[in-house]
PDB file of N, CA and C in Angstrom:
ATOM      1  N   MET A   1     109.084 -20.092-145.940  1.00  0.00           N
ATOM      2  CA  MET A   1     108.371 -19.391-145.699  1.00  0.00           C
ATOM      3  C   MET A   1     108.352 -17.677-145.921  1.00  0.00           C
ATOM      4  N   HIS A   2     107.784 -17.752-147.254  1.00  0.00           N
ATOM      5  CA  HIS A   2     108.122 -16.661-147.979  1.00  0.00           C
ATOM      6  C   HIS A   2     107.158 -15.708-147.529  1.00  0.00           C
ATOM      7  N   GLU A   3     105.397 -15.844-146.745  1.00  0.00           N
ATOM      8  CA  GLU A   3     104.667 -14.919-146.153  1.00  0.00           C
ATOM      9  C   GLU A   3     105.315 -13.728-145.237  1.00  0.00           C
ATOM     10  N   TYR A   4     106.749 -14.512-144.492  1.00  0.00           N
ATOM     11  CA  TYR A   4     107.945 -13.369-143.767  1.00  0.00           C
ATOM     12  C   TYR A   4     108.486 -12.298-144.495  1.00  0.00           C
ATOM     13  N   SER A   5     108.801 -12.436-145.367  1.00  0.00           N
ATOM     14  CA  SER A   5     109.415 -11.548-146.353  1.00  0.00           C
ATOM     15  C   SER A   5     108.139 -10.406-146.970  1.00  0.00           C
ATOM     16  N   ILE A   6     106.954 -11.556-147.230  1.00  0.00           N
ATOM     17  CA  ILE A   6     105.605 -10.470-147.423  1.00  0.00           C
ATOM     18  C   ILE A   6     105.668  -9.234-146.802  1.00  0.00           C
ATOM     19  N   VAL A   7     104.904  -9.855-144.853  1.00  0.00           N
ATOM     20  CA  VAL A   7     104.955  -9.185-144.737  1.00  0.00           C
ATOM     21  C   VAL A   7     105.851  -7.754-143.833  1.00  0.00           C
ATOM     22  N   SER A   8     106.970  -8.624-143.826  1.00  0.00           N
ATOM     23  CA  SER A   8     108.439  -7.199-143.644  1.00  0.00           C
ATOM     24  C   SER A   8     107.868  -5.855-144.153  1.00  0.00           C
ATOM     25  N   ALA A   9     107.457  -6.815-145.721  1.00  0.00           N
ATOM     26  CA  ALA A   9     107.939  -5.593-147.015  1.00  0.00           C
ATOM     27  C   ALA A   9     106.734  -4.567-146.727  1.00  0.00           C
ATOM     28  N   LEU A  10     105.182  -5.810-146.056  1.00  0.00           N
ATOM     29  CA  LEU A  10     104.215  -5.021-145.742  1.00  0.00           C
ATOM     30  C   LEU A  10     103.965  -4.154-144.725  1.00  0.00           C
ATOM     31  N   LEU A  11     104.868  -4.355-143.747  1.00  0.00           N
ATOM     32  CA  LEU A  11     104.582  -3.549-142.552  1.00  0.00           C
ATOM     33  C   LEU A  11     105.730  -2.354-142.928  1.00  0.00           C
ATOM     34  N   GLU A  12     106.684  -2.466-143.659  1.00  0.00           N
ATOM     35  CA  GLU A  12     107.370  -1.750-143.882  1.00  0.00           C
ATOM     36  C   GLU A  12     106.800   0.187-145.237  1.00  0.00           C
ATOM     37  N   GLN A  13     105.915  -0.928-145.591  1.00  0.00           N
ATOM     38  CA  GLN A  13     105.005   0.105-146.576  1.00  0.00           C
ATOM     39  C   GLN A  13     104.127   1.105-145.877  1.00  0.00           C
ATOM     40  N   CYS A  14     103.508   0.343-144.513  1.00  0.00           N
ATOM     41  CA  CYS A  14     102.346   0.777-143.660  1.00  0.00           C
ATOM     42  C   CYS A  14     103.106   1.937-143.070  1.00  0.00           C
ATOM     43  N   GLU A  15     104.242   1.533-142.099  1.00  0.00           N
ATOM     44  CA  GLU A  15     105.001   2.329-142.295  1.00  0.00           C
ATOM     45  C   GLU A  15     105.690   3.968-142.559  1.00  0.00           C
ATOM     46  N   GLN A  16     105.722   3.491-143.640  1.00  0.00           N
ATOM     47  CA  GLN A  16     106.139   5.192-144.745  1.00  0.00           C
ATOM     48  C   GLN A  16     104.751   5.762-144.982  1.00  0.00           C
ATOM     49  N   HIS A  17     103.644   4.634-144.941  1.00  0.00           N
ATOM     50  CA  HIS A  17     102.400   5.723-145.333  1.00  0.00           C
ATOM     51  C   HIS A  17     102.369   6.640-143.815  1.00  0.00           C
ATOM     52  N   ALA A  18     102.363   5.742-142.301  1.00  0.00           N
ATOM     53  CA  ALA A  18     102.347   6.343-141.043  1.00  0.00           C
ATOM     54  C   ALA A  18     103.146   7.558-141.363  1.00  0.00           C
ATOM     55  N   ILE A  19     104.376   7.498-141.659  1.00  0.00           N
ATOM     56  CA  ILE A  19     104.975   8.586-141.505  1.00  0.00           C
ATOM     57  C   ILE A  19     104.704   9.797-142.543  1.00  0.00           C
ATOM     58  N   ASP A  20     104.169   9.372-143.266  1.00  0.00           N
ATOM     59  CA  ASP A  20     104.192  10.544-144.956  1.00  0.00           C
ATOM     60  C   ASP A  20     102.615  11.058-144.128  1.00  0.00           C
ATOM     61  N   ASN A  21     101.656  10.932-143.249  1.00  0.00           N
ATOM     62  CA  ASN A  21     101.036  11.118-142.842  1.00  0.00           C
ATOM     63  C   ASN A  21     100.977  11.630-141.368  1.00  0.00           C
ATOM     64  N   GLN A  22     101.571  11.478-140.525  1.00  0.00           N
ATOM     65  CA  GLN A  22     102.272  11.973-139.447  1.00  0.00           C
ATOM     66  C   GLN A  22     101.589  10.934-138.287  1.00  0.00           C
ATOM     67  N   ALA A  23     101.270   9.938-138.296  1.00  0.00           N
ATOM     68  CA  ALA A  23     100.118   9.073-137.541  1.00  0.00           C
ATOM     69  C   ALA A  23     101.173   8.767-136.816  1.00  0.00           C
ATOM     70  N   LYS A  24     100.651   8.643-135.363  1.00  0.00           N
ATOM     71  CA  LYS A  24     101.609   7.881-134.462  1.00  0.00           C
ATOM     72  C   LYS A  24     101.443   6.512-133.891  1.00  0.00           C
ATOM     73  N   ALA A  25     100.338   6.071-134.859  1.00  0.00           N
ATOM     74  CA  ALA A  25      99.801   4.679-134.600  1.00  0.00           C
ATOM     75  C   ALA A  25      99.072   4.180-135.455  1.00  0.00           C
ATOM     76  N   ILE A  26      99.152   3.411-136.156  1.00  0.00           N
ATOM     77  CA  ILE A  26      98.363   2.245-137.185  1.00  0.00           C
ATOM     78  C   ILE A  26      97.333   1.265-136.368  1.00  0.00           C
ATOM     79  N   SER A  27      95.997   1.398-136.606  1.00  0.00           N
ATOM     80  CA  SER A  27      95.335   0.853-135.390  1.00  0.00           C
ATOM     81  C   SER A  27      94.360  -0.495-136.281  1.00  0.00           C
ATOM     82  N   LYS A  28      94.364  -0.661-138.005  1.00  0.00           N
ATOM     83  CA  LYS A  28      94.013  -1.612-138.631  1.00  0.00           C
ATOM     84  C   LYS A  28      94.939  -1.592-139.960  1.00  0.00           C
ATOM     85  N   VAL A  29      95.297  -2.908-140.094  1.00  0.00           N
ATOM     86  CA  VAL A  29      95.573  -2.964-141.443  1.00  0.00           C
ATOM     87  C   VAL A  29      94.580  -3.434-142.334  1.00  0.00           C
ATOM     88  N   VAL A  30      94.383  -3.659-143.784  1.00  0.00           N
ATOM     89  CA  VAL A  30      93.307  -4.520-144.410  1.00  0.00           C
ATOM     90  C   VAL A  30      93.737  -5.139-145.641  1.00  0.00           C
ATOM     91  N   VAL A  31      94.187  -5.930-146.171  1.00  0.00           N
ATOM     92  CA  VAL A  31      94.350  -6.712-147.220  1.00  0.00           C
ATOM     93  C   VAL A  31      94.132  -7.425-148.158  1.00  0.00           C
ATOM     94  N   LYS A  32      93.637  -7.432-149.048  1.00  0.00           N
ATOM     95  CA  LYS A  32      93.091  -8.364-150.430  1.00  0.00           C
ATOM     96  C   LYS A  32      94.162  -9.560-150.456  1.00  0.00           C
ATOM     97  N   ILE A  33      93.245 -10.692-150.405  1.00  0.00           N
ATOM     98  CA  ILE A  33      94.694 -11.251-150.912  1.00  0.00           C
ATOM     99  C   ILE A  33      93.857 -12.571-151.884  1.00  0.00           C
ATOM    100  N   GLY A  34      94.104 -12.909-153.139  1.00  0.00           N
ATOM    101  CA  GLY A  34      93.654 -13.561-154.319  1.00  0.00           C
ATOM    102  C   GLY A  34      93.707 -15.119-153.775  1.00  0.00           C
ATOM    103  N   VAL A  35      93.165 -15.939-154.451  1.00  0.00           N
ATOM    104  CA  VAL A  35      93.195 -17.661-154.208  1.00  0.00           C
ATOM    105  C   VAL A  35      94.597 -17.812-154.929  1.00  0.00           C
ATOM    106  N   LEU A  36      94.627 -17.212-155.730  1.00  0.00           N
ATOM    107  CA  LEU A  36      96.281 -17.634-157.039  1.00  0.00           C
ATOM    108  C   LEU A  36      97.185 -16.472-156.653  1.00  0.00           C
ATOM    109  N   SER A  37      96.955 -16.184-155.470  1.00  0.00           N
ATOM    110  CA  SER A  37      98.445 -14.941-155.369  1.00  0.00           C
ATOM    111  C   SER A  37      99.778 -15.878-154.723  1.00  0.00           C
ATOM    112  N   GLY A  38      99.471 -17.148-154.507  1.00  0.00           N
ATOM    113  CA  GLY A  38     100.735 -18.100-153.659  1.00  0.00           C
ATOM    114  C   GLY A  38     100.524 -17.840-152.439  1.00  0.00           C
ATOM    115  N   VAL A  39      99.906 -16.708-151.644  1.00  0.00           N
ATOM    116  CA  VAL A  39      99.751 -16.711-150.380  1.00  0.00           C
ATOM    117  C   VAL A  39      98.975 -17.374-149.669  1.00  0.00           C
ATOM    118  N   GLU A  40      99.589 -17.641-148.961  1.00  0.00           N
ATOM    119  CA  GLU A  40      98.695 -18.534-147.675  1.00  0.00           C
ATOM    120  C   GLU A  40      97.717 -17.500-146.247  1.00  0.00           C
ATOM    121  N   PRO A  41      97.056 -17.300-146.306  1.00  0.00           N
ATOM    122  CA  PRO A  41      96.778 -16.323-145.283  1.00  0.00           C
ATOM    123  C   PRO A  41      97.081 -16.401-143.845  1.00  0.00           C
ATOM    124  N   ALA A  42      96.719 -17.787-143.330  1.00  0.00           N
ATOM    125  CA  ALA A  42      96.836 -18.241-142.379  1.00  0.00           C
ATOM    126  C   ALA A  42      98.670 -17.896-141.322  1.00  0.00           C
ATOM    127  N   LEU A  43      99.237 -18.040-142.383  1.00  0.00           N
ATOM    128  CA  LEU A  43     100.158 -18.022-142.472  1.00  0.00           C
ATOM    129  C   LEU A  43     101.272 -16.352-142.179  1.00  0.00           C
ATOM    130  N   LEU A  44     100.241 -15.892-142.987  1.00  0.00           N
ATOM    131  CA  LEU A  44     100.602 -14.244-143.568  1.00  0.00           C
ATOM    132  C   LEU A  44     100.237 -13.504-142.124  1.00  0.00           C
ATOM    133  N   ALA A  45      98.898 -14.015-141.700  1.00  0.00           N
ATOM    134  CA  ALA A  45      98.232 -13.584-140.029  1.00  0.00           C
ATOM    135  C   ALA A  45      99.309 -13.745-139.278  1.00  0.00           C
ATOM    136  N   THR A  46      99.664 -14.925-138.647  1.00  0.00           N
ATOM    137  CA  THR A  46     100.786 -15.439-138.404  1.00  0.00           C
ATOM    138  C   THR A  46     101.867 -14.334-138.029  1.00  0.00           C
ATOM    139  N   ALA A  47     102.746 -14.555-139.566  1.00  0.00           N
ATOM    140  CA  ALA A  47     103.805 -13.399-139.705  1.00  0.00           C
ATOM    141  C   ALA A  47     103.687 -12.012-139.422  1.00  0.00           C
ATOM    142  N   PHE A  48     102.029 -11.685-139.657  1.00  0.00           N
ATOM    143  CA  PHE A  48     102.168 -10.395-139.332  1.00  0.00           C
ATOM    144  C   PHE A  48     102.126 -10.137-137.604  1.00  0.00           C
ATOM    145  N   GLU A  49     101.256 -11.154-137.078  1.00  0.00           N
ATOM    146  CA  GLU A  49     101.474 -10.952-135.606  1.00  0.00           C
ATOM    147  C   GLU A  49     102.811 -11.073-134.866  1.00  0.00           C
ATOM    148  N   THR A  50     103.568 -11.977-135.488  1.00  0.00           N
ATOM    149  CA  THR A  50     105.145 -12.065-134.852  1.00  0.00           C
ATOM    150  C   THR A  50     106.177 -10.650-135.051  1.00  0.00           C
ATOM    151  N   PHE A  51     105.280 -10.396-136.169  1.00  0.00           N
ATOM    152  CA  PHE A  51     106.665  -9.263-136.606  1.00  0.00           C
ATOM    153  C   PHE A  51     106.122  -7.535-136.619  1.00  0.00           C
ATOM    154  N   LYS A  52     104.813  -7.281-136.038  1.00  0.00           N
ATOM    155  CA  LYS A  52     104.187  -6.190-135.765  1.00  0.00           C
ATOM    156  C   LYS A  52     104.590  -5.732-134.324  1.00  0.00           C
ATOM    157  N   LEU A  53     105.118  -6.330-133.837  1.00  0.00           N
ATOM    158  CA  LEU A  53     105.544  -5.969-132.551  1.00  0.00           C
ATOM    159  C   LEU A  53     106.379  -4.280-132.372  1.00  0.00           C
ATOM    160  N   GLU A  54     107.088  -3.879-132.999  1.00  0.00           N
ATOM    161  CA  GLU A  54     107.834  -2.822-133.515  1.00  0.00           C
ATOM    162  C   GLU A  54     107.236  -1.950-133.987  1.00  0.00           C
ATOM    163  N   GLY A  55     107.394  -1.258-133.956  1.00  0.00           N
ATOM    164  CA  GLY A  55     106.756   0.057-134.323  1.00  0.00           C
ATOM    165  C   GLY A  55     105.576   0.599-134.555  1.00  0.00           C
ATOM    166  N   ARG A  56     104.927   1.577-135.328  1.00  0.00           N
ATOM    167  CA  ARG A  56     103.752   1.959-135.262  1.00  0.00           C
ATOM    168  C   ARG A  56     102.441   0.898-135.835  1.00  0.00           C
ATOM    169  N   THR A  57     102.753  -0.187-135.546  1.00  0.00           N
ATOM    170  CA  THR A  57     101.298  -1.575-135.896  1.00  0.00           C
ATOM    171  C   THR A  57     101.751  -2.533-135.064  1.00  0.00           C
ATOM    172  N   ARG A  58     101.638  -2.098-133.327  1.00  0.00           N
ATOM    173  CA  ARG A  58     102.368  -2.971-132.391  1.00  0.00           C
ATOM    174  C   ARG A  58     101.101  -3.589-131.634  1.00  0.00           C
ATOM    175  N   ASP A  59      99.641  -2.193-132.099  1.00  0.00           N
ATOM    176  CA  ASP A  59      98.102  -3.111-131.716  1.00  0.00           C
ATOM    177  C   ASP A  59      97.544  -3.273-133.035  1.00  0.00           C
ATOM    178  N   ALA A  60      97.383  -2.875-134.288  1.00  0.00           N
ATOM    179  CA  ALA A  60      96.728  -3.486-135.246  1.00  0.00           C
ATOM    180  C   ALA A  60      96.304  -4.344-135.645  1.00  0.00           C
ATOM    181  N   GLU A  61      94.822  -4.042-135.982  1.00  0.00           N
ATOM    182  CA  GLU A  61      94.200  -5.447-136.013  1.00  0.00           C
ATOM    183  C   GLU A  61      94.694  -5.818-137.749  1.00  0.00           C
ATOM    184  N   PHE A  62      94.761  -6.941-137.684  1.00  0.00           N
ATOM    185  CA  PHE A  62      94.943  -7.801-139.227  1.00  0.00           C
ATOM    186  C   PHE A  62      93.870  -8.019-139.961  1.00  0.00           C
ATOM    187  N   VAL A  63      93.336  -7.852-141.011  1.00  0.00           N
ATOM    188  CA  VAL A  63      92.144  -8.206-141.638  1.00  0.00           C
ATOM    189  C   VAL A  63      92.468  -8.906-143.259  1.00  0.00           C
ATOM    190  N   ILE A  64      91.966  -9.742-143.373  1.00  0.00           N
ATOM    191  CA  ILE A  64      92.574 -10.296-144.987  1.00  0.00           C
ATOM    192  C   ILE A  64      90.709 -10.475-145.181  1.00  0.00           C
ATOM    193  N   GLN A  65      90.845  -9.967-146.672  1.00  0.00           N
ATOM    194  CA  GLN A  65      89.478 -10.159-147.399  1.00  0.00           C
ATOM    195  C   GLN A  65      89.926 -11.112-148.853  1.00  0.00           C
ATOM    196  N   HIS A  66      89.053 -12.098-148.638  1.00  0.00           N
ATOM    197  CA  HIS A  66      89.529 -13.249-149.141  1.00  0.00           C
ATOM    198  C   HIS A  66      89.524 -12.878-150.853  1.00  0.00           C
ATOM    199  N   GLN A  67      90.023 -12.883-152.156  1.00  0.00           N
ATOM    200  CA  GLN A  67      90.037 -13.081-153.117  1.00  0.00           C
ATOM    201  C   GLN A  67      89.324 -13.545-154.003  1.00  0.00           C
ATOM    202  N   GLY A  68      88.431 -14.254-154.621  1.00  0.00           N
ATOM    203  CA  GLY A  68      88.272 -15.505-155.364  1.00  0.00           C
ATOM    204  C   GLY A  68      88.498 -15.034-157.429  1.00  0.00           C
ATOM    205  N   ILE A  69      88.450 -15.915-157.973  1.00  0.00           N
ATOM    206  CA  ILE A  69      89.120 -16.122-159.210  1.00  0.00           C
ATOM    207  C   ILE A  69      87.839 -14.992-160.308  1.00  0.00           C
ATOM    208  N   VAL A  70      88.067 -14.193-160.619  1.00  0.00           N
ATOM    209  CA  VAL A  70      86.969 -13.751-161.869  1.00  0.00           C
ATOM    210  C   VAL A  70      87.577 -13.836-162.840  1.00  0.00           C
ATOM    211  N   LEU A  71      87.104 -14.286-164.006  1.00  0.00           N
ATOM    212  CA  LEU A  71      87.642 -14.544-165.635  1.00  0.00           C
ATOM    213  C   LEU A  71      86.819 -13.578-165.996  1.00  0.00           C
ATOM    214  N   GLN A  72      87.436 -13.195-167.140  1.00  0.00           N
ATOM    215  CA  GLN A  72      86.797 -12.365-168.055  1.00  0.00           C
ATOM    216  C   GLN A  72      87.161 -13.376-169.651  1.00  0.00           C
ATOM    217  N   CYS A  73      85.676 -14.013-170.406  1.00  0.00           N
ATOM    218  CA  CYS A  73      85.766 -14.642-171.456  1.00  0.00           C
ATOM    219  C   CYS A  73      86.768 -13.546-172.703  1.00  0.00           C
ATOM    220  N   GLN A  74      87.285 -14.014-173.491  1.00  0.00           N
ATOM    221  CA  GLN A  74      87.346 -13.142-174.529  1.00  0.00           C
ATOM    222  C   GLN A  74      86.454 -13.726-175.790  1.00  0.00           C
ATOM    223  N   GLN A  75      85.512 -14.654-175.885  1.00  0.00           N
ATOM    224  CA  GLN A  75      84.821 -15.055-176.611  1.00  0.00           C
ATOM    225  C   GLN A  75      83.265 -13.944-176.491  1.00  0.00           C
ATOM    226  N   CYS A  76      82.452 -14.653-175.354  1.00  0.00           N
ATOM    227  CA  CYS A  76      81.540 -13.821-174.969  1.00  0.00           C
ATOM    228  C   CYS A  76      81.428 -12.672-174.260  1.00  0.00           C
ATOM    229  N   LEU A  77      82.358 -11.702-173.925  1.00  0.00           N
ATOM    230  CA  LEU A  77      82.748 -11.011-173.246  1.00  0.00           C
ATOM    231  C   LEU A  77      82.278 -11.302-171.613  1.00  0.00           C
ATOM    232  N   CYS A  78      82.036 -12.160-170.951  1.00  0.00           N
ATOM    233  CA  CYS A  78      80.870 -12.017-169.453  1.00  0.00           C
ATOM    234  C   CYS A  78      82.186 -12.278-168.998  1.00  0.00           C
ATOM    235  N   LYS A  79      82.482 -11.622-167.215  1.00  0.00           N
ATOM    236  CA  LYS A  79      82.813 -11.185-166.310  1.00  0.00           C
ATOM    237  C   LYS A  79      82.331 -11.895-165.506  1.00  0.00           C
ATOM    238  N   THR A  80      82.802 -13.198-165.028  1.00  0.00           N
ATOM    239  CA  THR A  80      82.539 -13.875-163.695  1.00  0.00           C
ATOM    240  C   THR A  80      83.490 -14.180-162.627  1.00  0.00           C
ATOM    241  N   GLU A  81      82.794 -14.287-161.107  1.00  0.00           N
ATOM    242  CA  GLU A  81      83.469 -15.093-160.482  1.00  0.00           C
ATOM    243  C   GLU A  81      83.422 -16.732-160.710  1.00  0.00           C
ATOM    244  N   VAL A  82      84.596 -17.123-160.387  1.00  0.00           N
ATOM    245  CA  VAL A  82      83.975 -18.645-160.151  1.00  0.00           C
ATOM    246  C   VAL A  82      84.542 -19.191-159.257  1.00  0.00           C
ATOM    247  N   ALA A  83      83.844 -19.972-158.734  1.00  0.00           N
ATOM    248  CA  ALA A  83      83.904 -20.751-157.226  1.00  0.00           C
ATOM    249  C   ALA A  83      84.901 -22.002-157.532  1.00  0.00           C
ATOM    250  N   GLU A  84      85.662 -22.781-158.220  1.00  0.00           N
ATOM    251  CA  GLU A  84      86.696 -23.274-158.353  1.00  0.00           C
ATOM    252  C   GLU A  84      87.998 -23.404-159.233  1.00  0.00           C
ATOM    253  N   ARG A  85      88.993 -23.604-159.094  1.00  0.00           N
ATOM    254  CA  ARG A  85      89.849 -22.736-159.867  1.00  0.00           C
ATOM    255  C   ARG A  85      89.823 -23.762-161.267  1.00  0.00           C
ATOM    256  N   SER A  86      88.692 -22.814-162.208  1.00  0.00           N
ATOM    257  CA  SER A  86      88.754 -23.091-163.389  1.00  0.00           C
ATOM    258  C   SER A  86      88.686 -22.309-164.327  1.00  0.00           C
ATOM    259  N   VAL A  87      89.495 -22.297-165.551  1.00  0.00           N
ATOM    260  CA  VAL A  87      89.602 -21.282-166.383  1.00  0.00           C
ATOM    261  C   VAL A  87      88.439 -21.315-167.466  1.00  0.00           C
ATOM    262  N   ILE A  88      87.339 -22.313-167.358  1.00  0.00           N
ATOM    263  CA  ILE A  88      86.355 -22.379-168.204  1.00  0.00           C
ATOM    264  C   ILE A  88      85.252 -21.593-168.076  1.00  0.00           C
ATOM    265  N   CYS A  89      84.578 -20.999-169.183  1.00  0.00           N
ATOM    266  CA  CYS A  89      83.800 -19.634-168.996  1.00  0.00           C
ATOM    267  C   CYS A  89      82.577 -20.419-168.843  1.00  0.00           C
ATOM    268  N   PRO A  90      81.773 -20.127-167.468  1.00  0.00           N
ATOM    269  CA  PRO A  90      80.621 -20.672-167.193  1.00  0.00           C
ATOM    270  C   PRO A  90      79.672 -20.452-168.100  1.00  0.00           C
ATOM    271  N   GLN A  91      79.519 -19.142-168.800  1.00  0.00           N
ATOM    272  CA  GLN A  91      77.892 -18.931-170.239  1.00  0.00           C
ATOM    273  C   GLN A  91      78.747 -19.478-171.143  1.00  0.00           C
ATOM    274  N   CYS A  92      79.357 -19.971-171.967  1.00  0.00           N
ATOM    275  CA  CYS A  92      79.794 -20.419-173.064  1.00  0.00           C
ATOM    276  C   CYS A  92      80.635 -21.431-173.172  1.00  0.00           C
ATOM    277  N   ASN A  93      81.503 -22.299-171.932  1.00  0.00           N
ATOM    278  CA  ASN A  93      82.466 -23.100-171.671  1.00  0.00           C
ATOM    279  C   ASN A  93      83.476 -23.035-172.791  1.00  0.00           C
ATOM    280  N   SER A  94      84.041 -21.655-173.055  1.00  0.00           N
ATOM    281  CA  SER A  94      85.331 -21.292-174.061  1.00  0.00           C
ATOM    282  C   SER A  94      86.355 -21.481-172.845  1.00  0.00           C
ATOM    283  N   TYR A  95      87.735 -22.054-173.596  1.00  0.00           N
ATOM    284  CA  TYR A  95      88.229 -21.718-172.623  1.00  0.00           C
ATOM    285  C   TYR A  95      89.545 -20.229-172.981  1.00  0.00           C
ATOM    286  N   ASP A  96      88.999 -20.133-173.640  1.00  0.00           N
ATOM    287  CA  ASP A  96      89.929 -18.354-174.100  1.00  0.00           C
ATOM    288  C   ASP A  96      89.186 -17.300-173.256  1.00  0.00           C
ATOM    289  N   THR A  97      89.673 -17.567-171.951  1.00  0.00           N
ATOM    290  CA  THR A  97      89.684 -16.583-170.805  1.00  0.00           C
ATOM    291  C   THR A  97      91.233 -15.961-170.181  1.00  0.00           C
ATOM    292  N   ARG A  98      90.606 -14.817-169.513  1.00  0.00           N
ATOM    293  CA  ARG A  98      91.728 -14.127-169.034  1.00  0.00           C
ATOM    294  C   ARG A  98      91.491 -14.131-167.610  1.00  0.00           C
ATOM    295  N   ILE A  99      91.938 -14.592-166.612  1.00  0.00           N
ATOM    296  CA  ILE A  99      92.474 -13.826-165.046  1.00  0.00           C
ATOM    297  C   ILE A  99      92.290 -12.497-165.041  1.00  0.00           C
ATOM    298  N   ILE A 100      91.181 -11.783-164.564  1.00  0.00           N
ATOM    299  CA  ILE A 100      91.431 -10.501-164.065  1.00  0.00           C
ATOM    300  C   ILE A 100      91.468  -9.850-162.695  1.00  0.00           C
ATOM    301  N   GLU A 101      91.063 -11.068-161.897  1.00  0.00           N
ATOM    302  CA  GLU A 101      91.259 -10.507-159.952  1.00  0.00           C
ATOM    303  C   GLU A 101      91.307 -12.269-159.650  1.00  0.00           C
ATOM    304  N   GLY A 102      92.132 -12.229-158.644  1.00  0.00           N
ATOM    305  CA  GLY A 102      92.186 -13.296-158.106  1.00  0.00           C
ATOM    306  C   GLY A 102      93.925 -13.976-158.347  1.00  0.00           C
ATOM    307  N   GLU A 103      94.869 -13.123-158.479  1.00  0.00           N
ATOM    308  CA  GLU A 103      96.119 -13.298-158.547  1.00  0.00           C
ATOM    309  C   GLU A 103      97.294 -12.598-157.287  1.00  0.00           C
ATOM    310  N   GLU A 104      96.655 -11.504-157.046  1.00  0.00           N
ATOM    311  CA  GLU A 104      96.950 -10.525-156.208  1.00  0.00           C
ATOM    312  C   GLU A 104      97.094 -10.550-154.713  1.00  0.00           C
ATOM    313  N   MET A 105      97.800  -9.827-153.952  1.00  0.00           N
ATOM    314  CA  MET A 105      97.897  -9.126-153.225  1.00  0.00           C
ATOM    315  C   MET A 105      98.162  -7.502-153.098  1.00  0.00           C
ATOM    316  N   LEU A 106      96.986  -7.086-152.476  1.00  0.00           N
ATOM    317  CA  LEU A 106      97.047  -5.755-151.896  1.00  0.00           C
ATOM    318  C   LEU A 106      96.356  -5.111-151.130  1.00  0.00           C
ATOM    319  N   LEU A 107      97.075  -3.663-150.565  1.00  0.00           N
ATOM    320  CA  LEU A 107      97.048  -3.036-149.246  1.00  0.00           C
ATOM    321  C   LEU A 107      95.595  -2.478-149.287  1.00  0.00           C
ATOM    322  N   MET A 108      94.708  -2.884-148.899  1.00  0.00           N
ATOM    323  CA  MET A 108      93.713  -1.929-149.117  1.00  0.00           C
ATOM    324  C   MET A 108      92.675  -0.709-148.204  1.00  0.00           C
ATOM    325  N   GLN A 109      93.485  -0.772-147.298  1.00  0.00           N
ATOM    326  CA  GLN A 109      92.999   0.063-145.944  1.00  0.00           C
ATOM    327  C   GLN A 109      93.800   0.038-145.204  1.00  0.00           C
ATOM    328  N   LEU A 110      94.570   1.549-144.542  1.00  0.00           N
ATOM    329  CA  LEU A 110      94.908   1.719-143.384  1.00  0.00           C
ATOM    330  C   LEU A 110      94.177   2.885-142.486  1.00  0.00           C
ATOM    331  N   GLU A 111      94.252   2.291-141.143  1.00  0.00           N
ATOM    332  CA  GLU A 111      93.233   3.363-140.410  1.00  0.00           C
ATOM    333  C   GLU A 111      94.580   4.158-139.361  1.00  0.00           C
ATOM    334  N   LEU A 112      94.654   5.128-139.537  1.00  0.00           N
ATOM    335  CA  LEU A 112      95.891   5.921-138.616  1.00  0.00           C
ATOM    336  C   LEU A 112      95.628   6.642-137.674  1.00  0.00           C
ATOM    337  N   GLU A 113      96.464   6.570-136.718  1.00  0.00           N
ATOM    338  CA  GLU A 113      95.913   7.501-135.413  1.00  0.00           C
ATOM    339  C   GLU A 113      96.868   8.655-135.377  1.00  0.00           C
ATOM    340  N   THR A 114      96.225  10.054-135.754  1.00  0.00           N
ATOM    341  CA  THR A 114      97.165  11.404-135.115  1.00  0.00           C
ATOM    342  C   THR A 114      96.866  11.613-133.948  1.00  0.00           C
ATOM    343  N   ASP A 115      97.772  12.523-133.846  1.00  0.00           N
ATOM    344  CA  ASP A 115      97.789  13.584-132.477  1.00  0.00           C
ATOM    345  C   ASP A 115      96.515  14.054-132.542  1.00  0.00           C
TER     346      ASP A 115
END
């Protein structure tokens, strides 16, 4: 289950941001997970709750924003979010598309508590 290693790296990143900003605690962690990222949101949330118990994140709320697939058509230049895992442009039906969002996992926001 690679979600555990992802959460471990995420918590290290959060701790480093807290240290850099002289925060005593982290109250909220917001991540954005793309549909095609290969990360299972429920497993990630469980892993976060399991591993957050040490350090500045022990009382942190974990929020997941889900990112759909956004395509850029190379033929008609249409930029569209598609509901299904399709790579066909809904405007011109071209297969000449590029995924520009939906494959990533990003740390979007941290709420830090300072003295």
